[in-house]
């Protein structure tokens, strides 16, 4: 298969690029390792996207992006994970499980993956109480006690969302103040189901078959507190999915693509 442009990643950036490129009447392929939508599709309610004064679910908005891209001619390949990208004489060869794909140009929109804490119990209990996606897993914790780690927009948005299901939600953040938008902070502080452990870090996740409790360490005095919890949702930043670009473009020490004023 040969294309003028291949877009790697089917989140908002990749789908937007597909819409613009396809309208230029070039042959466009969009390659997504899962379903289109990216992190936006896992957001329960988006209220700051222009044109939707009452807000819209992330999944619905991303479905509309996909429909628009396909209407202009983009060929979307879901569940098509890119295994490698190799420079060729006339462009690039992209290796997929289903075969090879040739393209003159690649638009790389593979996004980021959630960063991990690296603490005891995090890997062991992943999928058994530890999650990085409240929209995906929140309903599994109906009537349970949950902790959310992080103090930014993602953490606070999802803490609020999780109160639909949980008995209680405890937000753990290493700083003394949250970093989320003020309107989100206001909603969280006014929610009777949400508690806060500020100036603290999650130290350990414990349980038997499933998560049963967590240890929280206060940074000011290293004191330890144990909290009963059956769910742990972690939102402590992201790392770029740029491994496929190693050797093709310059990456910084964190894996981000290095750019200048021209790119």
C-alpha atoms as a PDB file:
ATOM      1  CA  UNK A   1       0.000   0.000   0.000  1.00  0.00           C
ATOM      2  CA  UNK A   2       1.300   3.443  -0.932  1.00  0.00           C
ATOM      3  CA  UNK A   3       0.138   6.753   0.503  1.00  0.00           C
ATOM      4  CA  UNK A   4       1.087  10.387   0.205  1.00  0.00           C
ATOM      5  CA  UNK A   5       0.763  10.880   3.966  1.00  0.00           C
ATOM      6  CA  UNK A   6       0.621   8.390   6.811  1.00  0.00           C
ATOM      7  CA  UNK A   7      -0.511   9.657  10.201  1.00  0.00           C
ATOM      8  CA  UNK A   8       0.622   7.644  13.213  1.00  0.00           C
ATOM      9  CA  UNK A   9      -1.853   8.075  16.055  1.00  0.00           C
ATOM     10  CA  UNK A  10      -5.603   8.557  16.068  1.00  0.00           C
ATOM     11  CA  UNK A  11      -6.110  11.072  18.846  1.00  0.00           C
ATOM     12  CA  UNK A  12      -7.363  14.648  18.363  1.00  0.00           C
ATOM     13  CA  UNK A  13      -4.076  15.772  16.772  1.00  0.00           C
ATOM     14  CA  UNK A  14      -3.917  12.868  14.335  1.00  0.00           C
ATOM     15  CA  UNK A  15      -7.570  13.170  13.355  1.00  0.00           C
ATOM     16  CA  UNK A  16      -7.263  16.938  12.883  1.00  0.00           C
ATOM     17  CA  UNK A  17      -4.229  16.416  10.643  1.00  0.00           C
ATOM     18  CA  UNK A  18      -6.191  13.818   8.686  1.00  0.00           C
ATOM     19  CA  UNK A  19      -9.066  16.217   8.066  1.00  0.00           C
ATOM     20  CA  UNK A  20      -6.793  18.964   6.752  1.00  0.00           C
ATOM     21  CA  UNK A  21      -4.611  16.625   4.677  1.00  0.00           C
ATOM     22  CA  UNK A  22      -7.544  14.804   3.091  1.00  0.00           C
ATOM     23  CA  UNK A  23      -9.184  18.065   2.116  1.00  0.00           C
ATOM     24  CA  UNK A  24      -6.043  18.763   0.051  1.00  0.00           C
ATOM     25  CA  UNK A  25      -7.026  15.696  -2.016  1.00  0.00           C
ATOM     26  CA  UNK A  26      -3.967  13.611  -1.184  1.00  0.00           C
ATOM     27  CA  UNK A  27      -4.059   9.939  -0.231  1.00  0.00           C
ATOM     28  CA  UNK A  28      -4.027   9.705   3.575  1.00  0.00           C
ATOM     29  CA  UNK A  29      -3.770   6.720   5.907  1.00  0.00           C
ATOM     30  CA  UNK A  30      -4.298   7.062   9.650  1.00  0.00           C
ATOM     31  CA  UNK A  31      -2.805   4.286  11.791  1.00  0.00           C
ATOM     32  CA  UNK A  32      -4.110   3.776  15.322  1.00  0.00           C
ATOM     33  CA  UNK A  33      -3.031   0.916  17.583  1.00  0.00           C
ATOM     34  CA  UNK A  34      -6.415   0.810  19.330  1.00  0.00           C
ATOM     35  CA  UNK A  35      -9.609   2.748  18.776  1.00  0.00           C
ATOM     36  CA  UNK A  36      -9.480   6.349  17.597  1.00  0.00           C
ATOM     37  CA  UNK A  37      -9.823   9.160  20.093  1.00  0.00           C
ATOM     38  CA  UNK A  38      -6.734   8.921  22.257  1.00  0.00           C
ATOM     39  CA  UNK A  39      -6.864  10.280  25.788  1.00  0.00           C
ATOM     40  CA  UNK A  40      -9.704  12.621  24.829  1.00  0.00           C
ATOM     41  CA  UNK A  41     -11.970   9.628  24.245  1.00  0.00           C
ATOM     42  CA  UNK A  42     -11.475   8.525  27.847  1.00  0.00           C
ATOM     43  CA  UNK A  43     -12.606  11.907  29.187  1.00  0.00           C
ATOM     44  CA  UNK A  44     -16.142  11.756  30.505  1.00  0.00           C
ATOM     45  CA  UNK A  45     -17.092  15.386  29.868  1.00  0.00           C
ATOM     46  CA  UNK A  46     -15.270  18.039  27.829  1.00  0.00           C
ATOM     47  CA  UNK A  47     -16.594  21.497  28.581  1.00  0.00           C
ATOM     48  CA  UNK A  48     -13.914  23.810  27.142  1.00  0.00           C
ATOM     49  CA  UNK A  49     -14.096  22.812  23.461  1.00  0.00           C
ATOM     50  CA  UNK A  50     -15.630  25.657  21.400  1.00  0.00           C
ATOM     51  CA  UNK A  51     -19.018  25.040  19.855  1.00  0.00           C
ATOM     52  CA  UNK A  52     -20.449  22.895  22.644  1.00  0.00           C
ATOM     53  CA  UNK A  53     -21.743  25.286  25.323  1.00  0.00           C
ATOM     54  CA  UNK A  54     -23.148  22.434  27.416  1.00  0.00           C
ATOM     55  CA  UNK A  55     -20.076  20.266  26.946  1.00  0.00           C
ATOM     56  CA  UNK A  56     -19.789  16.910  25.212  1.00  0.00           C
ATOM     57  CA  UNK A  57     -18.442  13.477  26.083  1.00  0.00           C
ATOM     58  CA  UNK A  58     -14.917  12.857  24.873  1.00  0.00           C
ATOM     59  CA  UNK A  59     -15.977   9.650  23.142  1.00  0.00           C
ATOM     60  CA  UNK A  60     -18.750  11.395  21.199  1.00  0.00           C
ATOM     61  CA  UNK A  61     -16.491  14.272  20.154  1.00  0.00           C
ATOM     62  CA  UNK A  62     -13.818  11.882  18.898  1.00  0.00           C
ATOM     63  CA  UNK A  63     -16.416   9.892  16.962  1.00  0.00           C
ATOM     64  CA  UNK A  64     -17.332  13.134  15.202  1.00  0.00           C
ATOM     65  CA  UNK A  65     -13.648  13.823  14.439  1.00  0.00           C
ATOM     66  CA  UNK A  66     -13.325  10.332  12.903  1.00  0.00           C
ATOM     67  CA  UNK A  67     -16.474  10.692  10.819  1.00  0.00           C
ATOM     68  CA  UNK A  68     -15.276  14.023   9.464  1.00  0.00           C
ATOM     69  CA  UNK A  69     -11.853  12.626   8.529  1.00  0.00           C
ATOM     70  CA  UNK A  70     -13.426   9.663   6.731  1.00  0.00           C
ATOM     71  CA  UNK A  71     -15.872  11.927   4.903  1.00  0.00           C
ATOM     72  CA  UNK A  72     -12.926  13.707   3.287  1.00  0.00           C
ATOM     73  CA  UNK A  73     -11.290  10.436   2.269  1.00  0.00           C
ATOM     74  CA  UNK A  74      -8.955   9.413   5.090  1.00  0.00           C
ATOM     75  CA  UNK A  75      -8.445   5.653   5.332  1.00  0.00           C
ATOM     76  CA  UNK A  76      -8.473   4.828   9.043  1.00  0.00           C
ATOM     77  CA  UNK A  77      -6.812   1.629  10.236  1.00  0.00           C
ATOM     78  CA  UNK A  78      -7.671   0.830  13.854  1.00  0.00           C
ATOM     79  CA  UNK A  79      -5.935  -1.854  15.909  1.00  0.00           C
ATOM     80  CA  UNK A  80      -2.933  -1.359  13.602  1.00  0.00           C
ATOM     81  CA  UNK A  81       0.135  -0.959  15.775  1.00  0.00           C
ATOM     82  CA  UNK A  82       3.258   0.369  14.070  1.00  0.00           C
ATOM     83  CA  UNK A  83       6.219  -1.930  14.724  1.00  0.00           C
ATOM     84  CA  UNK A  84       8.931   0.125  13.010  1.00  0.00           C
ATOM     85  CA  UNK A  85       9.574   3.078  10.720  1.00  0.00           C
ATOM     86  CA  UNK A  86      12.445   2.928   8.207  1.00  0.00           C
ATOM     87  CA  UNK A  87      13.687   5.718   5.952  1.00  0.00           C
ATOM     88  CA  UNK A  88      13.541   4.788   2.269  1.00  0.00           C
ATOM     89  CA  UNK A  89      14.696   6.427  -0.953  1.00  0.00           C
ATOM     90  CA  UNK A  90      11.328   8.041  -1.621  1.00  0.00           C
ATOM     91  CA  UNK A  91       9.994   8.431   1.897  1.00  0.00           C
ATOM     92  CA  UNK A  92       9.357   5.874   4.611  1.00  0.00           C
ATOM     93  CA  UNK A  93       8.362   2.244   5.055  1.00  0.00           C
ATOM     94  CA  UNK A  94       6.057   1.562   7.992  1.00  0.00           C
ATOM     95  CA  UNK A  95       5.944  -1.995   9.286  1.00  0.00           C
ATOM     96  CA  UNK A  96       2.602  -3.175  10.653  1.00  0.00           C
ATOM     97  CA  UNK A  97       1.521  -6.603  11.856  1.00  0.00           C
ATOM     98  CA  UNK A  98      -0.663  -6.788   8.756  1.00  0.00           C
ATOM     99  CA  UNK A  99       2.200  -5.878   6.385  1.00  0.00           C
ATOM    100  CA  UNK A 100       4.166  -2.928   5.068  1.00  0.00           C
ATOM    101  CA  UNK A 101       3.007   0.522   4.098  1.00  0.00           C
ATOM    102  CA  UNK A 102       4.924   3.064   1.991  1.00  0.00           C
ATOM    103  CA  UNK A 103       4.461   6.796   2.388  1.00  0.00           C
ATOM    104  CA  UNK A 104       6.138   9.989   1.268  1.00  0.00           C
ATOM    105  CA  UNK A 105       5.397  11.818   4.524  1.00  0.00           C
ATOM    106  CA  UNK A 106       4.722  10.801   8.127  1.00  0.00           C
ATOM    107  CA  UNK A 107       2.796  12.964  10.562  1.00  0.00           C
ATOM    108  CA  UNK A 108       3.633  11.551  13.984  1.00  0.00           C
ATOM    109  CA  UNK A 109       0.873  11.982  16.564  1.00  0.00           C
ATOM    110  CA  UNK A 110       1.412   8.999  18.841  1.00  0.00           C
ATOM    111  CA  UNK A 111       0.828  11.046  21.976  1.00  0.00           C
ATOM    112  CA  UNK A 112       1.874  10.109  25.474  1.00  0.00           C
ATOM    113  CA  UNK A 113       1.373   7.317  28.015  1.00  0.00           C
ATOM    114  CA  UNK A 114       0.709   7.734  31.743  1.00  0.00           C
ATOM    115  CA  UNK A 115       3.794   7.998  33.930  1.00  0.00           C
ATOM    116  CA  UNK A 116       4.117   5.475  36.738  1.00  0.00           C
ATOM    117  CA  UNK A 117       5.032   6.072  40.362  1.00  0.00           C
ATOM    118  CA  UNK A 118       7.437   3.147  40.571  1.00  0.00           C
ATOM    119  CA  UNK A 119       6.296   2.200  44.069  1.00  0.00           C
ATOM    120  CA  UNK A 120       5.751  -1.201  45.656  1.00  0.00           C
ATOM    121  CA  UNK A 121       2.466  -2.747  44.585  1.00  0.00           C
ATOM    122  CA  UNK A 122       1.882  -0.583  41.517  1.00  0.00           C
ATOM    123  CA  UNK A 123       2.794  -3.220  38.940  1.00  0.00           C
ATOM    124  CA  UNK A 124       1.554  -6.123  41.043  1.00  0.00           C
ATOM    125  CA  UNK A 125      -1.957  -4.709  41.397  1.00  0.00           C
ATOM    126  CA  UNK A 126      -2.342  -3.182  37.941  1.00  0.00           C
ATOM    127  CA  UNK A 127      -5.758  -4.313  36.730  1.00  0.00           C
ATOM    128  CA  UNK A 128      -6.605  -5.516  40.242  1.00  0.00           C
ATOM    129  CA  UNK A 129      -7.310  -2.116  41.752  1.00  0.00           C
ATOM    130  CA  UNK A 130      -4.627   0.058  40.161  1.00  0.00           C
ATOM    131  CA  UNK A 131      -5.741   2.000  37.085  1.00  0.00           C
ATOM    132  CA  UNK A 132      -4.723   4.967  34.956  1.00  0.00           C
ATOM    133  CA  UNK A 133      -8.168   5.534  33.415  1.00  0.00           C
ATOM    134  CA  UNK A 134     -11.199   6.486  35.502  1.00  0.00           C
ATOM    135  CA  UNK A 135     -13.577   6.488  32.543  1.00  0.00           C
ATOM    136  CA  UNK A 136     -12.498   2.945  31.662  1.00  0.00           C
ATOM    137  CA  UNK A 137     -12.604   1.438  35.142  1.00  0.00           C
ATOM    138  CA  UNK A 138     -14.506   3.778  37.457  1.00  0.00           C
ATOM    139  CA  UNK A 139     -17.803   1.885  37.358  1.00  0.00           C
ATOM    140  CA  UNK A 140     -16.040  -1.203  38.736  1.00  0.00           C
ATOM    141  CA  UNK A 141     -15.593   0.582  42.068  1.00  0.00           C
ATOM    142  CA  UNK A 142     -19.209   1.312  42.930  1.00  0.00           C
ATOM    143  CA  UNK A 143     -19.543   1.777  46.685  1.00  0.00           C
ATOM    144  CA  UNK A 144     -15.782   1.405  47.235  1.00  0.00           C
ATOM    145  CA  UNK A 145     -13.144   3.732  48.672  1.00  0.00           C
ATOM    146  CA  UNK A 146     -10.715   5.123  46.117  1.00  0.00           C
ATOM    147  CA  UNK A 147      -7.524   7.166  46.122  1.00  0.00           C
ATOM    148  CA  UNK A 148      -6.469   9.425  43.263  1.00  0.00           C
ATOM    149  CA  UNK A 149      -2.804  10.388  42.995  1.00  0.00           C
ATOM    150  CA  UNK A 150      -2.001  13.777  41.450  1.00  0.00           C
ATOM    151  CA  UNK A 151      -3.035  17.399  41.686  1.00  0.00           C
ATOM    152  CA  UNK A 152      -3.369  18.572  38.083  1.00  0.00           C
ATOM    153  CA  UNK A 153      -6.412  18.890  35.843  1.00  0.00           C
ATOM    154  CA  UNK A 154      -6.529  15.197  34.930  1.00  0.00           C
ATOM    155  CA  UNK A 155      -6.362  14.045  38.537  1.00  0.00           C
ATOM    156  CA  UNK A 156      -9.026  16.434  39.806  1.00  0.00           C
ATOM    157  CA  UNK A 157     -11.365  15.944  36.846  1.00  0.00           C
ATOM    158  CA  UNK A 158     -11.246  12.205  37.360  1.00  0.00           C
ATOM    159  CA  UNK A 159     -11.592  12.474  41.135  1.00  0.00           C
ATOM    160  CA  UNK A 160     -14.828  14.381  40.600  1.00  0.00           C
ATOM    161  CA  UNK A 161     -15.971  11.830  38.017  1.00  0.00           C
ATOM    162  CA  UNK A 162     -15.229   8.917  40.349  1.00  0.00           C
ATOM    163  CA  UNK A 163     -17.561  10.302  43.028  1.00  0.00           C
ATOM    164  CA  UNK A 164     -20.425   9.043  40.844  1.00  0.00           C
ATOM    165  CA  UNK A 165     -19.471   5.522  41.858  1.00  0.00           C
ATOM    166  CA  UNK A 166     -17.226   5.595  44.916  1.00  0.00           C
ATOM    167  CA  UNK A 167     -18.105   5.782  48.569  1.00  0.00           C
ATOM    168  CA  UNK A 168     -15.176   8.170  49.041  1.00  0.00           C
ATOM    169  CA  UNK A 169     -12.292   9.585  46.998  1.00  0.00           C
ATOM    170  CA  UNK A 170      -9.029  10.660  48.639  1.00  0.00           C
ATOM    171  CA  UNK A 171      -6.767  12.893  46.549  1.00  0.00           C
ATOM    172  CA  UNK A 172      -3.056  12.509  47.333  1.00  0.00           C
ATOM    173  CA  UNK A 173      -0.757  15.267  46.065  1.00  0.00           C
ATOM    174  CA  UNK A 174       2.867  15.921  46.923  1.00  0.00           C
ATOM    175  CA  UNK A 175       2.459  19.709  46.969  1.00  0.00           C
ATOM    176  CA  UNK A 176       0.595  21.749  49.558  1.00  0.00           C
ATOM    177  CA  UNK A 177      -1.690  23.184  46.884  1.00  0.00           C
ATOM    178  CA  UNK A 178      -3.431  21.644  43.893  1.00  0.00           C
ATOM    179  CA  UNK A 179      -2.288  22.629  40.390  1.00  0.00           C
ATOM    180  CA  UNK A 180      -5.620  22.084  38.657  1.00  0.00           C
ATOM    181  CA  UNK A 181      -7.692  24.896  37.177  1.00  0.00           C
ATOM    182  CA  UNK A 182      -9.402  26.944  39.866  1.00  0.00           C
ATOM    183  CA  UNK A 183     -12.884  25.960  38.729  1.00  0.00           C
ATOM    184  CA  UNK A 184     -11.965  22.281  39.116  1.00  0.00           C
ATOM    185  CA  UNK A 185     -10.458  22.904  42.538  1.00  0.00           C
ATOM    186  CA  UNK A 186     -13.639  24.663  43.642  1.00  0.00           C
ATOM    187  CA  UNK A 187     -15.801  21.745  42.533  1.00  0.00           C
ATOM    188  CA  UNK A 188     -13.534  19.227  44.232  1.00  0.00           C
ATOM    189  CA  UNK A 189     -13.356  21.078  47.538  1.00  0.00           C
ATOM    190  CA  UNK A 190     -17.140  21.471  47.552  1.00  0.00           C
ATOM    191  CA  UNK A 191     -17.745  17.768  46.889  1.00  0.00           C
ATOM    192  CA  UNK A 192     -18.544  15.996  50.177  1.00  0.00           C
ATOM    193  CA  UNK A 193     -17.148  12.685  48.903  1.00  0.00           C
ATOM    194  CA  UNK A 194     -13.652  14.044  48.226  1.00  0.00           C
ATOM    195  CA  UNK A 195     -10.936  14.223  50.891  1.00  0.00           C
ATOM    196  CA  UNK A 196      -7.400  15.526  50.524  1.00  0.00           C
ATOM    197  CA  UNK A 197      -3.944  14.411  51.611  1.00  0.00           C
ATOM    198  CA  UNK A 198      -1.749  17.312  50.502  1.00  0.00           C
ATOM    199  CA  UNK A 199       1.997  17.508  50.977  1.00  0.00           C
ATOM    200  CA  UNK A 200       2.020  13.725  50.804  1.00  0.00           C
ATOM    201  CA  UNK A 201       3.055  10.888  48.509  1.00  0.00           C
ATOM    202  CA  UNK A 202       1.743   7.396  47.934  1.00  0.00           C
ATOM    203  CA  UNK A 203       4.352   5.080  49.423  1.00  0.00           C
ATOM    204  CA  UNK A 204       2.956   1.571  48.944  1.00  0.00           C
ATOM    205  CA  UNK A 205      -0.088  -0.295  47.619  1.00  0.00           C
ATOM    206  CA  UNK A 206      -1.106  -3.412  49.545  1.00  0.00           C
ATOM    207  CA  UNK A 207      -3.645  -6.202  49.452  1.00  0.00           C
ATOM    208  CA  UNK A 208      -4.159  -9.875  48.782  1.00  0.00           C
ATOM    209  CA  UNK A 209      -5.753 -10.767  45.463  1.00  0.00           C
ATOM    210  CA  UNK A 210      -6.988  -7.179  45.062  1.00  0.00           C
ATOM    211  CA  UNK A 211      -5.980  -3.784  46.459  1.00  0.00           C
ATOM    212  CA  UNK A 212      -7.067  -3.351  50.071  1.00  0.00           C
ATOM    213  CA  UNK A 213      -5.091  -0.380  51.414  1.00  0.00           C
ATOM    214  CA  UNK A 214      -2.375   2.177  50.678  1.00  0.00           C
ATOM    215  CA  UNK A 215       0.386   3.787  52.723  1.00  0.00           C
ATOM    216  CA  UNK A 216       0.695   7.558  52.506  1.00  0.00           C
ATOM    217  CA  UNK A 217       3.808   9.413  53.640  1.00  0.00           C
ATOM    218  CA  UNK A 218       3.679  13.051  54.764  1.00  0.00           C
ATOM    219  CA  UNK A 219       6.666  14.912  53.342  1.00  0.00           C
ATOM    220  CA  UNK A 220       7.028  17.392  56.194  1.00  0.00           C
ATOM    221  CA  UNK A 221       7.846  14.754  58.810  1.00  0.00           C
ATOM    222  CA  UNK A 222       7.946  11.376  56.985  1.00  0.00           C
ATOM    223  CA  UNK A 223       5.015  10.149  59.073  1.00  0.00           C
ATOM    224  CA  UNK A 224       3.082   7.210  57.625  1.00  0.00           C
ATOM    225  CA  UNK A 225      -0.691   6.876  57.383  1.00  0.00           C
ATOM    226  CA  UNK A 226      -2.598   3.838  56.151  1.00  0.00           C
ATOM    227  CA  UNK A 227      -5.812   4.379  54.204  1.00  0.00           C
ATOM    228  CA  UNK A 228      -8.306   1.663  53.361  1.00  0.00           C
ATOM    229  CA  UNK A 229      -8.870   1.727  49.613  1.00  0.00           C
ATOM    230  CA  UNK A 230      -9.931  -0.725  46.956  1.00  0.00           C
ATOM    231  CA  UNK A 231      -8.996   1.457  43.992  1.00  0.00           C
ATOM    232  CA  UNK A 232      -5.928   3.523  43.095  1.00  0.00           C
ATOM    233  CA  UNK A 233      -6.076   5.892  40.115  1.00  0.00           C
ATOM    234  CA  UNK A 234      -2.747   7.461  39.154  1.00  0.00           C
ATOM    235  CA  UNK A 235      -2.371  10.787  37.300  1.00  0.00           C
ATOM    236  CA  UNK A 236       1.196  12.018  37.736  1.00  0.00           C
ATOM    237  CA  UNK A 237       2.037  13.133  34.217  1.00  0.00           C
ATOM    238  CA  UNK A 238       2.882  11.493  30.938  1.00  0.00           C
ATOM    239  CA  UNK A 239       5.831  10.254  28.900  1.00  0.00           C
ATOM    240  CA  UNK A 240       6.048  10.594  25.096  1.00  0.00           C
ATOM    241  CA  UNK A 241       5.457   7.586  22.856  1.00  0.00           C
ATOM    242  CA  UNK A 242       8.438   8.462  20.684  1.00  0.00           C
ATOM    243  CA  UNK A 243      10.423   5.224  20.682  1.00  0.00           C
ATOM    244  CA  UNK A 244       9.688   4.588  16.990  1.00  0.00           C
ATOM    245  CA  UNK A 245      11.480   7.823  16.079  1.00  0.00           C
ATOM    246  CA  UNK A 246      14.830   6.953  17.647  1.00  0.00           C
ATOM    247  CA  UNK A 247      17.488   7.449  14.979  1.00  0.00           C
ATOM    248  CA  UNK A 248      15.111   9.329  12.674  1.00  0.00           C
ATOM    249  CA  UNK A 249      14.816  12.637  14.532  1.00  0.00           C
ATOM    250  CA  UNK A 250      16.529  14.232  17.507  1.00  0.00           C
ATOM    251  CA  UNK A 251      14.970  13.471  20.888  1.00  0.00           C
ATOM    252  CA  UNK A 252      15.766  15.138  24.202  1.00  0.00           C
ATOM    253  CA  UNK A 253      16.675  13.239  27.358  1.00  0.00           C
ATOM    254  CA  UNK A 254      12.984  12.739  28.197  1.00  0.00           C
ATOM    255  CA  UNK A 255      12.105  11.433  24.741  1.00  0.00           C
ATOM    256  CA  UNK A 256      10.422  14.567  23.388  1.00  0.00           C
ATOM    257  CA  UNK A 257      11.110  15.587  19.789  1.00  0.00           C
ATOM    258  CA  UNK A 258      13.518  18.511  19.640  1.00  0.00           C
ATOM    259  CA  UNK A 259      12.229  21.429  17.583  1.00  0.00           C
ATOM    260  CA  UNK A 260      13.222  25.000  16.759  1.00  0.00           C
ATOM    261  CA  UNK A 261      11.415  28.097  15.520  1.00  0.00           C
ATOM    262  CA  UNK A 262      10.955  26.539  12.079  1.00  0.00           C
ATOM    263  CA  UNK A 263       9.639  23.183  13.245  1.00  0.00           C
END
